[in-house]
Amino acid sequence: MSAYIVITREKTRDTAKLEEYKKLSAPTFEEFPVTVRAIHGRHEVLEGAATEDIIILEFASYEEAKTWYHSPVYQAACESRFQGGDYRFILTEGSPAK
C-alpha cells in the first residue's frame, strides 16, 4: 500500500540554506523512487496555522518512506533544512486499492 509524506514549510529563515538543502536532497530519490503529487503549487490553509509551502511525496510503502526519511544521506541533507526553515513532515499510509 502506498504512503505519503506531506511536507509543509512553516517559516523560512535562510533561503541560501534551503537552496543548499534542495541540491543535497535531490540525489536521495535515486535510491528511493518517489512520485511527487504536489510541489510548490497554489495552496490555501482552510483551518489551522498558515504555511508558506507544501509538498506531497508518494512512496511505494510506509516502510519505504520511513527508510528514505531516516537514511543517512537524507538526514545529512536535513542539516541545511534545519538551518533554513521550520518544517512539518507527516507520514501517512494511503487507502487500500479498491
C-alpha atoms as a PDB file:
ATOM      1  CA  MET A   1       0.000   0.000   0.000  1.00  0.00           C
ATOM      2  CA  SER A   2       1.373   3.408  -0.915  1.00  0.00           C
ATOM      3  CA  ALA A   3       2.309   6.014   1.665  1.00  0.00           C
ATOM      4  CA  TYR A   4       2.650   9.766   1.560  1.00  0.00           C
ATOM      5  CA  ILE A   5       4.907  12.291   3.193  1.00  0.00           C
ATOM      6  CA  VAL A   6       3.200  15.656   3.461  1.00  0.00           C
ATOM      7  CA  ILE A   7       5.720  18.443   3.971  1.00  0.00           C
ATOM      8  CA  THR A   8       4.826  21.961   4.965  1.00  0.00           C
ATOM      9  CA  ARG A   9       7.216  24.849   5.355  1.00  0.00           C
ATOM     10  CA  GLU A  10       6.048  26.940   8.263  1.00  0.00           C
ATOM     11  CA  LYS A  11       8.729  29.644   8.152  1.00  0.00           C
ATOM     12  CA  THR A  12      11.795  30.462   6.044  1.00  0.00           C
ATOM     13  CA  ARG A  13      14.857  31.601   7.982  1.00  0.00           C
ATOM     14  CA  ASP A  14      17.712  31.328   5.457  1.00  0.00           C
ATOM     15  CA  THR A  15      16.997  30.941   1.725  1.00  0.00           C
ATOM     16  CA  ALA A  16      20.629  30.091   0.920  1.00  0.00           C
ATOM     17  CA  LYS A  17      20.475  27.103   3.298  1.00  0.00           C
ATOM     18  CA  LEU A  18      17.209  25.963   1.703  1.00  0.00           C
ATOM     19  CA  GLU A  19      18.804  26.104  -1.759  1.00  0.00           C
ATOM     20  CA  GLU A  20      21.680  24.019  -0.397  1.00  0.00           C
ATOM     21  CA  TYR A  21      19.155  21.533   1.012  1.00  0.00           C
ATOM     22  CA  LYS A  22      17.419  21.203  -2.390  1.00  0.00           C
ATOM     23  CA  LYS A  23      20.735  20.315  -4.047  1.00  0.00           C
ATOM     24  CA  LEU A  24      21.702  17.833  -1.335  1.00  0.00           C
ATOM     25  CA  SER A  25      18.308  16.138  -1.045  1.00  0.00           C
ATOM     26  CA  ALA A  26      17.633  15.601  -4.766  1.00  0.00           C
ATOM     27  CA  PRO A  27      20.071  12.641  -5.133  1.00  0.00           C
ATOM     28  CA  THR A  28      18.385  10.808  -2.224  1.00  0.00           C
ATOM     29  CA  PHE A  29      15.486   9.933  -4.526  1.00  0.00           C
ATOM     30  CA  GLU A  30      17.734   7.870  -6.820  1.00  0.00           C
ATOM     31  CA  GLU A  31      17.704   5.014  -4.308  1.00  0.00           C
ATOM     32  CA  PHE A  32      14.125   5.628  -3.150  1.00  0.00           C
ATOM     33  CA  PRO A  33      11.737   6.123  -6.072  1.00  0.00           C
ATOM     34  CA  VAL A  34       9.097   8.712  -5.297  1.00  0.00           C
ATOM     35  CA  THR A  35       6.174  10.260  -7.133  1.00  0.00           C
ATOM     36  CA  VAL A  36       5.710  13.953  -6.489  1.00  0.00           C
ATOM     37  CA  ARG A  37       1.976  14.530  -6.096  1.00  0.00           C
ATOM     38  CA  ALA A  38       2.177  18.260  -5.275  1.00  0.00           C
ATOM     39  CA  ILE A  39       5.067  20.711  -5.115  1.00  0.00           C
ATOM     40  CA  HIS A  40       5.171  24.467  -4.546  1.00  0.00           C
ATOM     41  CA  GLY A  41       1.695  24.934  -6.019  1.00  0.00           C
ATOM     42  CA  ARG A  42      -1.091  27.243  -5.073  1.00  0.00           C
ATOM     43  CA  HIS A  43      -2.495  26.305  -1.690  1.00  0.00           C
ATOM     44  CA  GLU A  44      -4.845  27.687   0.913  1.00  0.00           C
ATOM     45  CA  VAL A  45      -4.963  26.789   4.577  1.00  0.00           C
ATOM     46  CA  LEU A  46      -8.637  26.313   5.348  1.00  0.00           C
ATOM     47  CA  GLU A  47      -8.122  25.610   9.048  1.00  0.00           C
ATOM     48  CA  GLY A  48      -5.138  25.910  11.357  1.00  0.00           C
ATOM     49  CA  ALA A  49      -1.908  27.856  11.225  1.00  0.00           C
ATOM     50  CA  ALA A  50      -0.655  29.407   7.993  1.00  0.00           C
ATOM     51  CA  THR A  51       2.009  27.625   5.951  1.00  0.00           C
ATOM     52  CA  GLU A  52       4.384  29.004   3.316  1.00  0.00           C
ATOM     53  CA  ASP A  53       4.630  25.940   1.088  1.00  0.00           C
ATOM     54  CA  ILE A  54       3.508  22.334   0.696  1.00  0.00           C
ATOM     55  CA  ILE A  55       4.939  19.218  -0.952  1.00  0.00           C
ATOM     56  CA  ILE A  56       3.307  15.782  -1.128  1.00  0.00           C
ATOM     57  CA  LEU A  57       5.503  12.779  -1.928  1.00  0.00           C
ATOM     58  CA  GLU A  58       4.182   9.286  -2.678  1.00  0.00           C
ATOM     59  CA  PHE A  59       6.234   6.209  -1.845  1.00  0.00           C
ATOM     60  CA  ALA A  60       5.501   2.560  -2.612  1.00  0.00           C
ATOM     61  CA  SER A  61       5.041   1.732   1.072  1.00  0.00           C
ATOM     62  CA  TYR A  62       5.051   3.196   4.564  1.00  0.00           C
ATOM     63  CA  GLU A  63       8.297   1.379   5.338  1.00  0.00           C
ATOM     64  CA  GLU A  64       9.997   2.727   2.214  1.00  0.00           C
ATOM     65  CA  ALA A  65       9.022   6.291   3.119  1.00  0.00           C
ATOM     66  CA  LYS A  66      10.403   5.857   6.647  1.00  0.00           C
ATOM     67  CA  THR A  67      13.584   4.294   5.317  1.00  0.00           C
ATOM     68  CA  TRP A  68      14.102   7.258   2.951  1.00  0.00           C
ATOM     69  CA  TYR A  69      13.492   9.817   5.706  1.00  0.00           C
ATOM     70  CA  HIS A  70      15.838   8.100   8.166  1.00  0.00           C
ATOM     71  CA  SER A  71      18.542   7.284   5.593  1.00  0.00           C
ATOM     72  CA  PRO A  72      21.967   8.712   6.460  1.00  0.00           C
ATOM     73  CA  VAL A  73      22.183  10.559   3.132  1.00  0.00           C
ATOM     74  CA  TYR A  74      18.839  12.289   3.592  1.00  0.00           C
ATOM     75  CA  GLN A  75      19.493  13.078   7.238  1.00  0.00           C
ATOM     76  CA  ALA A  76      22.792  14.722   6.251  1.00  0.00           C
ATOM     77  CA  ALA A  77      20.891  16.915   3.773  1.00  0.00           C
ATOM     78  CA  CYS A  78      18.428  17.836   6.518  1.00  0.00           C
ATOM     79  CA  GLU A  79      21.103  19.756   8.400  1.00  0.00           C
ATOM     80  CA  SER A  80      20.778  22.540   5.808  1.00  0.00           C
ATOM     81  CA  ARG A  81      16.981  22.406   6.019  1.00  0.00           C
ATOM     82  CA  PHE A  82      17.053  22.691   9.804  1.00  0.00           C
ATOM     83  CA  GLN A  83      19.106  25.884   9.448  1.00  0.00           C
ATOM     84  CA  GLY A  84      16.995  27.231   6.578  1.00  0.00           C
ATOM     85  CA  GLY A  85      13.481  26.979   7.902  1.00  0.00           C
ATOM     86  CA  ASP A  86      10.835  25.430  10.076  1.00  0.00           C
ATOM     87  CA  TYR A  87       9.042  22.455   8.547  1.00  0.00           C
ATOM     88  CA  ARG A  88       6.479  19.829   9.410  1.00  0.00           C
ATOM     89  CA  PHE A  89       6.803  16.314   7.918  1.00  0.00           C
ATOM     90  CA  ILE A  90       3.837  13.965   8.226  1.00  0.00           C
ATOM     91  CA  LEU A  91       3.930  10.329   7.099  1.00  0.00           C
ATOM     92  CA  THR A  92       0.582   8.724   6.355  1.00  0.00           C
ATOM     93  CA  GLU A  93      -0.456   5.457   4.818  1.00  0.00           C
ATOM     94  CA  GLY A  94      -2.661   5.621   1.740  1.00  0.00           C
ATOM     95  CA  SER A  95      -6.019   3.957   1.263  1.00  0.00           C
ATOM     96  CA  PRO A  96      -6.147   0.346   0.063  1.00  0.00           C
ATOM     97  CA  ALA A  97      -6.796  -0.099  -3.646  1.00  0.00           C
ATOM     98  CA  LYS A  98     -10.449  -0.776  -4.455  1.00  0.00           C
END
